[in-house]
Amino acid sequence: RPQLTDGGVYDNLGLETVFKNYKTVICSDAGGDLA
């Protein structure tokens, strides 16, 4: 019974599963600004 929440709580860029596996990384960040 896993209970999951938004992936952004851990990594809002979705970077980890790419960064640790591939030499070429294209990262698009549409995260909001903390005013």
All heavy atoms as atom14 arrays in JSON, in Angstrom:
{
  "sequence": "RPQLTDGGVYDNLGLETVFKNYKTVICSDAGGDLA",
  "atom14_mask": [
    [1, 1, 1, 1, 1, 1, 1, 1, 1, 1, 1, 0, 0, 0],
    [1, 1, 1, 1, 1, 1, 1, 0, 0, 0, 0, 0, 0, 0],
    [1, 1, 1, 1, 1, 1, 1, 1, 1, 0, 0, 0, 0, 0],
    [1, 1, 1, 1, 1, 1, 1, 1, 0, 0, 0, 0, 0, 0],
    [1, 1, 1, 1, 1, 1, 1, 0, 0, 0, 0, 0, 0, 0],
    [1, 1, 1, 1, 1, 1, 1, 1, 0, 0, 0, 0, 0, 0],
    [1, 1, 1, 1, 0, 0, 0, 0, 0, 0, 0, 0, 0, 0],
    [1, 1, 1, 1, 0, 0, 0, 0, 0, 0, 0, 0, 0, 0],
    [1, 1, 1, 1, 1, 1, 1, 0, 0, 0, 0, 0, 0, 0],
    [1, 1, 1, 1, 1, 1, 1, 1, 1, 1, 1, 1, 0, 0],
    [1, 1, 1, 1, 1, 1, 1, 1, 0, 0, 0, 0, 0, 0],
    [1, 1, 1, 1, 1, 1, 1, 1, 0, 0, 0, 0, 0, 0],
    [1, 1, 1, 1, 1, 1, 1, 1, 0, 0, 0, 0, 0, 0],
    [1, 1, 1, 1, 0, 0, 0, 0, 0, 0, 0, 0, 0, 0],
    [1, 1, 1, 1, 1, 1, 1, 1, 0, 0, 0, 0, 0, 0],
    [1, 1, 1, 1, 1, 1, 1, 1, 1, 0, 0, 0, 0, 0],
    [1, 1, 1, 1, 1, 1, 1, 0, 0, 0, 0, 0, 0, 0],
    [1, 1, 1, 1, 1, 1, 1, 0, 0, 0, 0, 0, 0, 0],
    [1, 1, 1, 1, 1, 1, 1, 1, 1, 1, 1, 0, 0, 0],
    [1, 1, 1, 1, 1, 1, 1, 1, 1, 0, 0, 0, 0, 0],
    [1, 1, 1, 1, 1, 1, 1, 1, 0, 0, 0, 0, 0, 0],
    [1, 1, 1, 1, 1, 1, 1, 1, 1, 1, 1, 1, 0, 0],
    [1, 1, 1, 1, 1, 1, 1, 1, 1, 0, 0, 0, 0, 0],
    [1, 1, 1, 1, 1, 1, 1, 0, 0, 0, 0, 0, 0, 0],
    [1, 1, 1, 1, 1, 1, 1, 0, 0, 0, 0, 0, 0, 0],
    [1, 1, 1, 1, 1, 1, 1, 1, 0, 0, 0, 0, 0, 0],
    [1, 1, 1, 1, 1, 1, 0, 0, 0, 0, 0, 0, 0, 0],
    [1, 1, 1, 1, 1, 1, 0, 0, 0, 0, 0, 0, 0, 0],
    [1, 1, 1, 1, 1, 1, 1, 1, 0, 0, 0, 0, 0, 0],
    [1, 1, 1, 1, 1, 0, 0, 0, 0, 0, 0, 0, 0, 0],
    [1, 1, 1, 1, 0, 0, 0, 0, 0, 0, 0, 0, 0, 0],
    [1, 1, 1, 1, 0, 0, 0, 0, 0, 0, 0, 0, 0, 0],
    [1, 1, 1, 1, 1, 1, 1, 1, 0, 0, 0, 0, 0, 0],
    [1, 1, 1, 1, 1, 1, 1, 1, 0, 0, 0, 0, 0, 0],
    [1, 1, 1, 1, 1, 0, 0, 0, 0, 0, 0, 0, 0, 0]
  ],
  "atom14_positions": [
    [[0.83, -1.21, 0.0], [0.0, 0.0, 0.0], [0.86, 1.26, 0.0], [0.82, 2.06, 0.94], [-0.94, 0.01, 1.2], [-1.97, -1.12, 1.17], [-3.08, -0.9, 2.16], [-4.11, -1.91, 2.04], [-5.28, -1.85, 2.69], [-5.53, -0.85, 3.52], [-6.18, -2.81, 2.52], [0.0, 0.0, 0.0], [0.0, 0.0, 0.0], [0.0, 0.0, 0.0]],
    [[1.66, 1.47, -1.04], [2.46, 2.7, -1.1], [1.58, 3.93, -1.23], [0.55, 3.9, -1.92], [3.32, 2.49, -2.35], [2.58, 1.49, -3.17], [1.88, 0.6, -2.2], [0.0, 0.0, 0.0], [0.0, 0.0, 0.0], [0.0, 0.0, 0.0], [0.0, 0.0, 0.0], [0.0, 0.0, 0.0], [0.0, 0.0, 0.0], [0.0, 0.0, 0.0]],
    [[1.99, 4.99, -0.57], [1.28, 6.26, -0.63], [2.23, 7.3, -1.22], [3.26, 7.62, -0.61], [0.8, 6.68, 0.76], [-0.21, 5.7, 1.34], [-0.85, 6.21, 2.6], [-1.31, 7.35, 2.67], [-0.89, 5.36, 3.62], [0.0, 0.0, 0.0], [0.0, 0.0, 0.0], [0.0, 0.0, 0.0], [0.0, 0.0, 0.0], [0.0, 0.0, 0.0]],
    [[1.88, 7.79, -2.39], [2.78, 8.63, -3.18], [2.27, 10.06, -3.27], [1.07, 10.32, -3.13], [2.93, 8.05, -4.58], [3.26, 6.55, -4.66], [3.39, 6.12, -6.12], [4.53, 6.23, -3.88], [0.0, 0.0, 0.0], [0.0, 0.0, 0.0], [0.0, 0.0, 0.0], [0.0, 0.0, 0.0], [0.0, 0.0, 0.0], [0.0, 0.0, 0.0]],
    [[3.19, 10.96, -3.51], [2.84, 12.36, -3.71], [3.65, 12.91, -4.89], [4.42, 12.18, -5.52], [3.09, 13.18, -2.42], [2.49, 14.47, -2.56], [4.58, 13.35, -2.14], [0.0, 0.0, 0.0], [0.0, 0.0, 0.0], [0.0, 0.0, 0.0], [0.0, 0.0, 0.0], [0.0, 0.0, 0.0], [0.0, 0.0, 0.0], [0.0, 0.0, 0.0]],
    [[3.44, 14.18, -5.18], [4.06, 14.86, -6.31], [5.56, 14.57, -6.39], [6.28, 14.67, -5.4], [3.81, 16.36, -6.15], [4.11, 17.15, -7.41], [5.28, 17.18, -7.82], [3.18, 17.75, -7.97], [0.0, 0.0, 0.0], [0.0, 0.0, 0.0], [0.0, 0.0, 0.0], [0.0, 0.0, 0.0], [0.0, 0.0, 0.0], [0.0, 0.0, 0.0]],
    [[6.04, 14.24, -7.59], [7.46, 13.98, -7.77], [8.34, 15.17, -7.45], [9.52, 15.01, -7.13], [0.0, 0.0, 0.0], [0.0, 0.0, 0.0], [0.0, 0.0, 0.0], [0.0, 0.0, 0.0], [0.0, 0.0, 0.0], [0.0, 0.0, 0.0], [0.0, 0.0, 0.0], [0.0, 0.0, 0.0], [0.0, 0.0, 0.0], [0.0, 0.0, 0.0]],
    [[7.76, 16.37, -7.51], [8.52, 17.58, -7.24], [8.95, 17.72, -5.8], [9.86, 18.5, -5.49], [0.0, 0.0, 0.0], [0.0, 0.0, 0.0], [0.0, 0.0, 0.0], [0.0, 0.0, 0.0], [0.0, 0.0, 0.0], [0.0, 0.0, 0.0], [0.0, 0.0, 0.0], [0.0, 0.0, 0.0], [0.0, 0.0, 0.0], [0.0, 0.0, 0.0]],
    [[8.31, 16.99, -4.88], [8.74, 17.03, -3.49], [10.16, 16.49, -3.36], [10.97, 16.99, -2.57], [7.76, 16.23, -2.6], [8.26, 16.14, -1.16], [6.37, 16.86, -2.65], [0.0, 0.0, 0.0], [0.0, 0.0, 0.0], [0.0, 0.0, 0.0], [0.0, 0.0, 0.0], [0.0, 0.0, 0.0], [0.0, 0.0, 0.0], [0.0, 0.0, 0.0]],
    [[10.48, 15.49, -4.16], [11.82, 14.88, -4.14], [12.74, 15.5, -5.18], [13.92, 15.76, -4.9], [11.7, 13.38, -4.39], [13.0, 12.62, -4.27], [13.41, 12.11, -3.04], [13.81, 12.42, -5.37], [14.61, 11.41, -2.92], [15.01, 11.73, -5.26], [15.4, 11.23, -4.04], [16.58, 10.55, -3.93], [0.0, 0.0, 0.0], [0.0, 0.0, 0.0]],
    [[12.22, 15.74, -6.39], [13.07, 16.23, -7.48], [12.17, 16.87, -8.54], [11.67, 16.19, -9.43], [13.87, 15.06, -8.08], [14.65, 15.45, -9.33], [14.77, 16.65, -9.61], [15.14, 14.53, -10.02], [0.0, 0.0, 0.0], [0.0, 0.0, 0.0], [0.0, 0.0, 0.0], [0.0, 0.0, 0.0], [0.0, 0.0, 0.0], [0.0, 0.0, 0.0]],
    [[11.97, 18.19, -8.44], [11.03, 18.85, -9.33], [11.57, 19.03, -10.75], [10.84, 19.43, -11.64], [10.61, 20.22, -8.79], [9.33, 20.72, -9.42], [8.35, 19.98, -9.52], [9.33, 21.97, -9.89], [0.0, 0.0, 0.0], [0.0, 0.0, 0.0], [0.0, 0.0, 0.0], [0.0, 0.0, 0.0], [0.0, 0.0, 0.0], [0.0, 0.0, 0.0]],
    [[12.83, 18.72, -10.97], [13.39, 18.81, -12.32], [13.27, 17.47, -13.07], [13.49, 17.43, -14.28], [14.86, 19.23, -12.27], [15.14, 20.63, -11.75], [16.65, 20.88, -11.71], [14.45, 21.69, -12.59], [0.0, 0.0, 0.0], [0.0, 0.0, 0.0], [0.0, 0.0, 0.0], [0.0, 0.0, 0.0], [0.0, 0.0, 0.0], [0.0, 0.0, 0.0]],
    [[12.97, 16.39, -12.36], [12.97, 15.08, -13.01], [14.37, 14.69, -13.45], [14.56, 13.94, -14.41], [0.0, 0.0, 0.0], [0.0, 0.0, 0.0], [0.0, 0.0, 0.0], [0.0, 0.0, 0.0], [0.0, 0.0, 0.0], [0.0, 0.0, 0.0], [0.0, 0.0, 0.0], [0.0, 0.0, 0.0], [0.0, 0.0, 0.0], [0.0, 0.0, 0.0]],
    [[15.37, 15.18, -12.72], [16.76, 15.07, -13.15], [17.43, 13.75, -12.78], [18.26, 13.22, -13.53], [17.55, 16.23, -12.55], [19.03, 16.35, -12.9], [19.23, 16.52, -14.41], [19.65, 17.53, -12.15], [0.0, 0.0, 0.0], [0.0, 0.0, 0.0], [0.0, 0.0, 0.0], [0.0, 0.0, 0.0], [0.0, 0.0, 0.0], [0.0, 0.0, 0.0]],
    [[17.08, 13.19, -11.64], [17.89, 12.12, -11.08], [18.02, 10.9, -11.99], [19.13, 10.37, -12.18], [17.34, 11.69, -9.72], [18.19, 10.64, -9.05], [17.99, 10.56, -7.56], [18.04, 11.61, -6.9], [17.79, 9.45, -7.06], [0.0, 0.0, 0.0], [0.0, 0.0, 0.0], [0.0, 0.0, 0.0], [0.0, 0.0, 0.0], [0.0, 0.0, 0.0]],
    [[16.93, 10.43, -12.56], [17.0, 9.2, -13.36], [17.69, 9.41, -14.71], [18.0, 8.45, -15.41], [15.6, 8.6, -13.6], [14.82, 9.53, -14.36], [14.91, 8.3, -12.29], [0.0, 0.0, 0.0], [0.0, 0.0, 0.0], [0.0, 0.0, 0.0], [0.0, 0.0, 0.0], [0.0, 0.0, 0.0], [0.0, 0.0, 0.0], [0.0, 0.0, 0.0]],
    [[17.92, 10.68, -15.09], [18.69, 10.99, -16.29], [20.15, 11.26, -15.93], [21.07, 10.7, -16.53], [18.08, 12.21, -17.03], [19.06, 12.75, -18.08], [16.78, 11.82, -17.69], [0.0, 0.0, 0.0], [0.0, 0.0, 0.0], [0.0, 0.0, 0.0], [0.0, 0.0, 0.0], [0.0, 0.0, 0.0], [0.0, 0.0, 0.0], [0.0, 0.0, 0.0]],
    [[20.36, 12.1, -14.94], [21.71, 12.55, -14.59], [22.63, 11.39, -14.23], [23.81, 11.39, -14.57], [21.63, 13.53, -13.42], [22.95, 14.15, -13.04], [23.41, 15.27, -13.71], [23.72, 13.62, -12.03], [24.62, 15.86, -13.37], [24.93, 14.2, -11.68], [25.38, 15.32, -12.35], [0.0, 0.0, 0.0], [0.0, 0.0, 0.0], [0.0, 0.0, 0.0]],
    [[22.09, 10.39, -13.57], [22.92, 9.29, -13.1], [23.08, 8.18, -14.14], [23.7, 7.15, -13.87], [22.33, 8.7, -11.82], [22.25, 9.72, -10.69], [21.74, 9.13, -9.41], [22.77, 8.27, -8.75], [22.35, 7.8, -7.42], [0.0, 0.0, 0.0], [0.0, 0.0, 0.0], [0.0, 0.0, 0.0], [0.0, 0.0, 0.0], [0.0, 0.0, 0.0]],
    [[22.55, 8.43, -15.34], [22.6, 7.38, -16.35], [23.1, 7.82, -17.73], [23.6, 7.0, -18.48], [21.22, 6.75, -16.52], [20.81, 5.93, -15.31], [21.18, 4.77, -15.18], [20.07, 6.55, -14.41], [0.0, 0.0, 0.0], [0.0, 0.0, 0.0], [0.0, 0.0, 0.0], [0.0, 0.0, 0.0], [0.0, 0.0, 0.0], [0.0, 0.0, 0.0]],
    [[22.96, 9.11, -18.08], [23.26, 9.54, -19.44], [24.25, 10.69, -19.47], [24.23, 11.58, -18.62], [21.97, 9.92, -20.18], [21.11, 8.71, -20.43], [20.06, 8.4, -19.57], [21.37, 7.86, -21.48], [19.29, 7.26, -19.76], [20.61, 6.71, -21.69], [19.57, 6.42, -20.82], [18.83, 5.28, -21.02], [0.0, 0.0, 0.0], [0.0, 0.0, 0.0]],
    [[25.08, 10.68, -20.5], [26.11, 11.69, -20.67], [25.53, 13.03, -21.12], [26.02, 14.09, -20.75], [27.14, 11.2, -21.7], [28.32, 12.12, -21.93], [29.3, 12.1, -20.78], [30.57, 12.88, -21.1], [31.53, 12.85, -20.0], [0.0, 0.0, 0.0], [0.0, 0.0, 0.0], [0.0, 0.0, 0.0], [0.0, 0.0, 0.0], [0.0, 0.0, 0.0]],
    [[24.48, 12.97, -21.95], [23.87, 14.2, -22.47], [22.53, 14.44, -21.8], [21.64, 13.59, -21.83], [23.67, 14.1, -24.0], [24.94, 13.84, -24.62], [23.11, 15.39, -24.55], [0.0, 0.0, 0.0], [0.0, 0.0, 0.0], [0.0, 0.0, 0.0], [0.0, 0.0, 0.0], [0.0, 0.0, 0.0], [0.0, 0.0, 0.0], [0.0, 0.0, 0.0]],
    [[22.39, 15.62, -21.2], [21.21, 15.98, -20.42], [20.61, 17.26, -20.97], [21.3, 18.28, -21.09], [21.55, 16.18, -18.93], [20.29, 16.53, -18.14], [22.23, 14.95, -18.36], [0.0, 0.0, 0.0], [0.0, 0.0, 0.0], [0.0, 0.0, 0.0], [0.0, 0.0, 0.0], [0.0, 0.0, 0.0], [0.0, 0.0, 0.0], [0.0, 0.0, 0.0]],
    [[19.34, 17.22, -21.31], [18.58, 18.42, -21.68], [17.51, 18.61, -20.6], [16.63, 17.76, -20.45], [17.93, 18.29, -23.07], [19.01, 18.1, -24.14], [17.06, 19.5, -23.38], [18.45, 17.8, -25.52], [0.0, 0.0, 0.0], [0.0, 0.0, 0.0], [0.0, 0.0, 0.0], [0.0, 0.0, 0.0], [0.0, 0.0, 0.0], [0.0, 0.0, 0.0]],
    [[17.62, 19.68, -19.85], [16.74, 19.9, -18.7], [15.91, 21.16, -18.9], [16.46, 22.26, -19.02], [17.57, 20.0, -17.43], [16.58, 20.13, -15.92], [0.0, 0.0, 0.0], [0.0, 0.0, 0.0], [0.0, 0.0, 0.0], [0.0, 0.0, 0.0], [0.0, 0.0, 0.0], [0.0, 0.0, 0.0], [0.0, 0.0, 0.0], [0.0, 0.0, 0.0]],
    [[14.61, 20.99, -18.93], [13.67, 22.1, -19.13], [12.95, 22.38, -17.82], [12.2, 21.54, -17.31], [12.67, 21.74, -20.23], [11.75, 22.79, -20.44], [0.0, 0.0, 0.0], [0.0, 0.0, 0.0], [0.0, 0.0, 0.0], [0.0, 0.0, 0.0], [0.0, 0.0, 0.0], [0.0, 0.0, 0.0], [0.0, 0.0, 0.0], [0.0, 0.0, 0.0]],
    [[13.16, 23.57, -17.27], [12.65, 23.94, -15.95], [11.53, 24.97, -16.08], [11.78, 26.12, -16.42], [13.8, 24.49, -15.1], [13.37, 24.84, -13.68], [12.2, 24.6, -13.32], [14.22, 25.36, -12.93], [0.0, 0.0, 0.0], [0.0, 0.0, 0.0], [0.0, 0.0, 0.0], [0.0, 0.0, 0.0], [0.0, 0.0, 0.0], [0.0, 0.0, 0.0]],
    [[10.32, 24.54, -15.8], [9.16, 25.44, -15.81], [8.61, 25.63, -14.4], [7.45, 25.97, -14.21], [8.07, 24.91, -16.73], [0.0, 0.0, 0.0], [0.0, 0.0, 0.0], [0.0, 0.0, 0.0], [0.0, 0.0, 0.0], [0.0, 0.0, 0.0], [0.0, 0.0, 0.0], [0.0, 0.0, 0.0], [0.0, 0.0, 0.0], [0.0, 0.0, 0.0]],
    [[9.46, 25.39, -13.4], [9.05, 25.57, -12.02], [8.77, 27.02, -11.69], [9.36, 27.93, -12.27], [0.0, 0.0, 0.0], [0.0, 0.0, 0.0], [0.0, 0.0, 0.0], [0.0, 0.0, 0.0], [0.0, 0.0, 0.0], [0.0, 0.0, 0.0], [0.0, 0.0, 0.0], [0.0, 0.0, 0.0], [0.0, 0.0, 0.0], [0.0, 0.0, 0.0]],
    [[7.88, 27.24, -10.75], [7.51, 28.6, -10.37], [8.55, 29.26, -9.49], [9.41, 28.61, -8.88], [0.0, 0.0, 0.0], [0.0, 0.0, 0.0], [0.0, 0.0, 0.0], [0.0, 0.0, 0.0], [0.0, 0.0, 0.0], [0.0, 0.0, 0.0], [0.0, 0.0, 0.0], [0.0, 0.0, 0.0], [0.0, 0.0, 0.0], [0.0, 0.0, 0.0]],
    [[8.49, 30.57, -9.42], [9.4, 31.34, -8.58], [8.81, 31.45, -7.17], [7.6, 31.56, -7.0], [9.58, 32.74, -9.17], [10.71, 33.51, -8.5], [11.55, 32.87, -7.87], [10.73, 34.75, -8.62], [0.0, 0.0, 0.0], [0.0, 0.0, 0.0], [0.0, 0.0, 0.0], [0.0, 0.0, 0.0], [0.0, 0.0, 0.0], [0.0, 0.0, 0.0]],
    [[9.67, 31.43, -6.15], [9.23, 31.6, -4.77], [9.32, 33.08, -4.43], [10.38, 33.59, -4.07], [10.09, 30.77, -3.82], [9.65, 30.78, -2.35], [8.31, 30.08, -2.19], [10.71, 30.14, -1.48], [0.0, 0.0, 0.0], [0.0, 0.0, 0.0], [0.0, 0.0, 0.0], [0.0, 0.0, 0.0], [0.0, 0.0, 0.0], [0.0, 0.0, 0.0]],
    [[8.21, 33.77, -4.57], [8.19, 35.21, -4.31], [8.25, 35.5, -2.82], [7.73, 34.74, -2.0], [6.92, 35.82, -4.91], [0.0, 0.0, 0.0], [0.0, 0.0, 0.0], [0.0, 0.0, 0.0], [0.0, 0.0, 0.0], [0.0, 0.0, 0.0], [0.0, 0.0, 0.0], [0.0, 0.0, 0.0], [0.0, 0.0, 0.0], [0.0, 0.0, 0.0]]
  ]
}
